[in-house]
Amino acid sequence: MGFFSFETAWRTFQGFEVMNMIRKGQVPEVGKGDVRSQIALVAKLFGVAI
């Protein structure tokens, strides 16, 4: 379908970049390859109980 606005596309790509940074261990609280910490961080950011 594509993006309806530049702002929507920009925010989506920013989200991709953040997820890649988390995955590569570039976030201080999360080590590279530490899937449990990655899940905990995303749950904490979005307020989801795990």
PDB file of N, CA and C in Angstrom:
ATOM      1  N   MET A   1       0.817  -1.193   0.000  1.00  0.00           N
ATOM      2  CA  MET A   1       0.000   0.000   0.000  1.00  0.00           C
ATOM      3  C   MET A   1       0.865   1.263   0.000  1.00  0.00           C
ATOM      4  N   GLY A   2       2.017   1.196   0.612  1.00  0.00           N
ATOM      5  CA  GLY A   2       2.859   2.386   0.664  1.00  0.00           C
ATOM      6  C   GLY A   2       2.532   3.258   1.865  1.00  0.00           C
ATOM      7  N   PHE A   3       3.259   4.339   1.969  1.00  0.00           N
ATOM      8  CA  PHE A   3       3.057   5.285   3.060  1.00  0.00           C
ATOM      9  C   PHE A   3       2.215   6.444   2.550  1.00  0.00           C
ATOM     10  N   PHE A   4       1.361   6.955   3.420  1.00  0.00           N
ATOM     11  CA  PHE A   4       0.487   8.050   3.015  1.00  0.00           C
ATOM     12  C   PHE A   4       1.126   9.413   3.227  1.00  0.00           C
ATOM     13  N   SER A   5       2.179   9.455   4.035  1.00  0.00           N
ATOM     14  CA  SER A   5       2.856  10.735   4.246  1.00  0.00           C
ATOM     15  C   SER A   5       4.331  10.487   4.502  1.00  0.00           C
ATOM     16  N   PHE A   6       5.107  11.523   4.310  1.00  0.00           N
ATOM     17  CA  PHE A   6       6.546  11.437   4.568  1.00  0.00           C
ATOM     18  C   PHE A   6       6.800  11.169   6.050  1.00  0.00           C
ATOM     19  N   GLU A   7       6.010  11.794   6.921  1.00  0.00           N
ATOM     20  CA  GLU A   7       6.190  11.616   8.369  1.00  0.00           C
ATOM     21  C   GLU A   7       5.981  10.164   8.783  1.00  0.00           C
ATOM     22  N   THR A   8       4.983   9.503   8.225  1.00  0.00           N
ATOM     23  CA  THR A   8       4.732   8.101   8.532  1.00  0.00           C
ATOM     24  C   THR A   8       5.899   7.231   8.090  1.00  0.00           C
ATOM     25  N   ALA A   9       6.407   7.477   6.894  1.00  0.00           N
ATOM     26  CA  ALA A   9       7.553   6.718   6.397  1.00  0.00           C
ATOM     27  C   ALA A   9       8.765   6.965   7.277  1.00  0.00           C
ATOM     28  N   TRP A  10       9.011   8.216   7.648  1.00  0.00           N
ATOM     29  CA  TRP A  10      10.161   8.580   8.483  1.00  0.00           C
ATOM     30  C   TRP A  10      10.110   7.854   9.821  1.00  0.00           C
ATOM     31  N   ARG A  11       8.953   7.860  10.479  1.00  0.00           N
ATOM     32  CA  ARG A  11       8.825   7.200  11.788  1.00  0.00           C
ATOM     33  C   ARG A  11       9.000   5.683  11.667  1.00  0.00           C
ATOM     34  N   THR A  12       8.497   5.113  10.599  1.00  0.00           N
ATOM     35  CA  THR A  12       8.648   3.677  10.388  1.00  0.00           C
ATOM     36  C   THR A  12      10.115   3.314  10.218  1.00  0.00           C
ATOM     37  N   PHE A  13      10.829   4.058   9.405  1.00  0.00           N
ATOM     38  CA  PHE A  13      12.248   3.772   9.195  1.00  0.00           C
ATOM     39  C   PHE A  13      13.069   4.026  10.451  1.00  0.00           C
ATOM     40  N   GLN A  14      12.695   5.008  11.231  1.00  0.00           N
ATOM     41  CA  GLN A  14      13.377   5.245  12.504  1.00  0.00           C
ATOM     42  C   GLN A  14      13.180   4.032  13.422  1.00  0.00           C
ATOM     43  N   GLY A  15      11.995   3.464  13.415  1.00  0.00           N
ATOM     44  CA  GLY A  15      11.735   2.266  14.213  1.00  0.00           C
ATOM     45  C   GLY A  15      12.596   1.098  13.770  1.00  0.00           C
ATOM     46  N   PHE A  16      12.758   0.928  12.462  1.00  0.00           N
ATOM     47  CA  PHE A  16      13.631  -0.134  11.953  1.00  0.00           C
ATOM     48  C   PHE A  16      15.052   0.061  12.446  1.00  0.00           C
ATOM     49  N   GLU A  17      15.525   1.296  12.389  1.00  0.00           N
ATOM     50  CA  GLU A  17      16.894   1.589  12.814  1.00  0.00           C
ATOM     51  C   GLU A  17      17.078   1.330  14.305  1.00  0.00           C
ATOM     52  N   VAL A  18      16.108   1.698  15.112  1.00  0.00           N
ATOM     53  CA  VAL A  18      16.196   1.454  16.560  1.00  0.00           C
ATOM     54  C   VAL A  18      16.238  -0.044  16.845  1.00  0.00           C
ATOM     55  N   MET A  19      15.382  -0.803  16.158  1.00  0.00           N
ATOM     56  CA  MET A  19      15.376  -2.250  16.380  1.00  0.00           C
ATOM     57  C   MET A  19      16.706  -2.873  15.965  1.00  0.00           C
ATOM     58  N   ASN A  20      17.308  -2.389  14.890  1.00  0.00           N
ATOM     59  CA  ASN A  20      18.621  -2.894  14.479  1.00  0.00           C
ATOM     60  C   ASN A  20      19.690  -2.545  15.507  1.00  0.00           C
ATOM     61  N   MET A  21      19.614  -1.341  16.075  1.00  0.00           N
ATOM     62  CA  MET A  21      20.578  -0.955  17.108  1.00  0.00           C
ATOM     63  C   MET A  21      20.453  -1.858  18.337  1.00  0.00           C
ATOM     64  N   ILE A  22      19.221  -2.159  18.734  1.00  0.00           N
ATOM     65  CA  ILE A  22      19.000  -3.053  19.880  1.00  0.00           C
ATOM     66  C   ILE A  22      19.564  -4.432  19.563  1.00  0.00           C
ATOM     67  N   ARG A  23      19.260  -4.942  18.371  1.00  0.00           N
ATOM     68  CA  ARG A  23      19.712  -6.270  17.973  1.00  0.00           C
ATOM     69  C   ARG A  23      21.240  -6.379  17.944  1.00  0.00           C
ATOM     70  N   LYS A  24      21.913  -5.306  17.499  1.00  0.00           N
ATOM     71  CA  LYS A  24      23.363  -5.322  17.388  1.00  0.00           C
ATOM     72  C   LYS A  24      24.078  -5.013  18.698  1.00  0.00           C
ATOM     73  N   GLY A  25      23.326  -4.761  19.768  1.00  0.00           N
ATOM     74  CA  GLY A  25      23.944  -4.506  21.062  1.00  0.00           C
ATOM     75  C   GLY A  25      24.469  -3.094  21.228  1.00  0.00           C
ATOM     76  N   GLN A  26      23.928  -2.137  20.516  1.00  0.00           N
ATOM     77  CA  GLN A  26      24.370  -0.754  20.605  1.00  0.00           C
ATOM     78  C   GLN A  26      23.612   0.038  21.661  1.00  0.00           C
ATOM     79  N   VAL A  27      22.734  -0.624  22.402  1.00  0.00           N
ATOM     80  CA  VAL A  27      21.997  -0.003  23.496  1.00  0.00           C
ATOM     81  C   VAL A  27      22.651  -0.468  24.793  1.00  0.00           C
ATOM     82  N   PRO A  28      22.980   0.463  25.697  1.00  0.00           N
ATOM     83  CA  PRO A  28      23.748   0.102  26.894  1.00  0.00           C
ATOM     84  C   PRO A  28      23.172  -1.036  27.747  1.00  0.00           C
ATOM     85  N   GLU A  29      21.861  -1.118  27.899  1.00  0.00           N
ATOM     86  CA  GLU A  29      21.273  -2.146  28.777  1.00  0.00           C
ATOM     87  C   GLU A  29      21.204  -3.528  28.144  1.00  0.00           C
ATOM     88  N   VAL A  30      21.455  -3.618  26.844  1.00  0.00           N
ATOM     89  CA  VAL A  30      21.239  -4.868  26.130  1.00  0.00           C
ATOM     90  C   VAL A  30      22.527  -5.312  25.448  1.00  0.00           C
ATOM     91  N   GLY A  31      22.945  -6.534  25.734  1.00  0.00           N
ATOM     92  CA  GLY A  31      24.123  -7.080  25.076  1.00  0.00           C
ATOM     93  C   GLY A  31      23.768  -7.680  23.727  1.00  0.00           C
ATOM     94  N   LYS A  32      24.766  -7.766  22.862  1.00  0.00           N
ATOM     95  CA  LYS A  32      24.548  -8.335  21.532  1.00  0.00           C
ATOM     96  C   LYS A  32      24.161  -9.806  21.668  1.00  0.00           C
ATOM     97  N   GLY A  33      23.065 -10.194  21.054  1.00  0.00           N
ATOM     98  CA  GLY A  33      22.617 -11.570  21.073  1.00  0.00           C
ATOM     99  C   GLY A  33      21.851 -11.969  22.326  1.00  0.00           C
ATOM    100  N   ASP A  34      21.648 -11.037  23.263  1.00  0.00           N
ATOM    101  CA  ASP A  34      20.922 -11.330  24.497  1.00  0.00           C
ATOM    102  C   ASP A  34      19.427 -11.097  24.262  1.00  0.00           C
ATOM    103  N   VAL A  35      18.772 -12.127  23.755  1.00  0.00           N
ATOM    104  CA  VAL A  35      17.376 -12.012  23.337  1.00  0.00           C
ATOM    105  C   VAL A  35      16.465 -11.685  24.517  1.00  0.00           C
ATOM    106  N   ARG A  36      16.722 -12.259  25.667  1.00  0.00           N
ATOM    107  CA  ARG A  36      15.872 -11.991  26.841  1.00  0.00           C
ATOM    108  C   ARG A  36      15.922 -10.517  27.232  1.00  0.00           C
ATOM    109  N   SER A  37      17.100  -9.925  27.195  1.00  0.00           N
ATOM    110  CA  SER A  37      17.224  -8.498  27.510  1.00  0.00           C
ATOM    111  C   SER A  37      16.548  -7.641  26.447  1.00  0.00           C
ATOM    112  N   GLN A  38      16.634  -8.063  25.191  1.00  0.00           N
ATOM    113  CA  GLN A  38      15.974  -7.331  24.113  1.00  0.00           C
ATOM    114  C   GLN A  38      14.461  -7.331  24.327  1.00  0.00           C
ATOM    115  N   ILE A  39      13.926  -8.494  24.654  1.00  0.00           N
ATOM    116  CA  ILE A  39      12.485  -8.613  24.888  1.00  0.00           C
ATOM    117  C   ILE A  39      12.067  -7.768  26.080  1.00  0.00           C
ATOM    118  N   ALA A  40      12.851  -7.817  27.158  1.00  0.00           N
ATOM    119  CA  ALA A  40      12.535  -7.045  28.354  1.00  0.00           C
ATOM    120  C   ALA A  40      12.561  -5.543  28.068  1.00  0.00           C
ATOM    121  N   LEU A  41      13.540  -5.081  27.288  1.00  0.00           N
ATOM    122  CA  LEU A  41      13.630  -3.669  26.954  1.00  0.00           C
ATOM    123  C   LEU A  41      12.419  -3.204  26.145  1.00  0.00           C
ATOM    124  N   VAL A  42      12.069  -3.960  25.125  1.00  0.00           N
ATOM    125  CA  VAL A  42      10.918  -3.580  24.286  1.00  0.00           C
ATOM    126  C   VAL A  42       9.639  -3.613  25.104  1.00  0.00           C
ATOM    127  N   ALA A  43       9.473  -4.603  25.967  1.00  0.00           N
ATOM    128  CA  ALA A  43       8.292  -4.674  26.824  1.00  0.00           C
ATOM    129  C   ALA A  43       8.237  -3.477  27.771  1.00  0.00           C
ATOM    130  N   LYS A  44       9.384  -3.091  28.304  1.00  0.00           N
ATOM    131  CA  LYS A  44       9.458  -1.931  29.206  1.00  0.00           C
ATOM    132  C   LYS A  44       9.111  -0.645  28.453  1.00  0.00           C
ATOM    133  N   LEU A  45       9.614  -0.498  27.249  1.00  0.00           N
ATOM    134  CA  LEU A  45       9.353   0.713  26.463  1.00  0.00           C
ATOM    135  C   LEU A  45       7.882   0.860  26.133  1.00  0.00           C
ATOM    136  N   PHE A  46       7.231  -0.250  25.809  1.00  0.00           N
ATOM    137  CA  PHE A  46       5.821  -0.200  25.399  1.00  0.00           C
ATOM    138  C   PHE A  46       4.848  -0.504  26.528  1.00  0.00           C
ATOM    139  N   GLY A  47       5.364  -0.752  27.736  1.00  0.00           N
ATOM    140  CA  GLY A  47       4.485  -0.995  28.875  1.00  0.00           C
ATOM    141  C   GLY A  47       3.735  -2.299  28.792  1.00  0.00           C
ATOM    142  N   VAL A  48       4.379  -3.317  28.242  1.00  0.00           N
ATOM    143  CA  VAL A  48       3.746  -4.622  28.083  1.00  0.00           C
ATOM    144  C   VAL A  48       4.261  -5.555  29.168  1.00  0.00           C
ATOM    145  N   ALA A  49       3.363  -6.276  29.807  1.00  0.00           N
ATOM    146  CA  ALA A  49       3.772  -7.249  30.821  1.00  0.00           C
ATOM    147  C   ALA A  49       4.223  -8.524  30.147  1.00  0.00           C
ATOM    148  N   ILE A  50       5.366  -9.065  30.607  1.00  0.00           N
ATOM    149  CA  ILE A  50       5.842 -10.328  30.052  1.00  0.00           C
ATOM    150  C   ILE A  50       5.864 -11.384  31.127  1.00  0.00           C
TER     151      ILE A  50
END
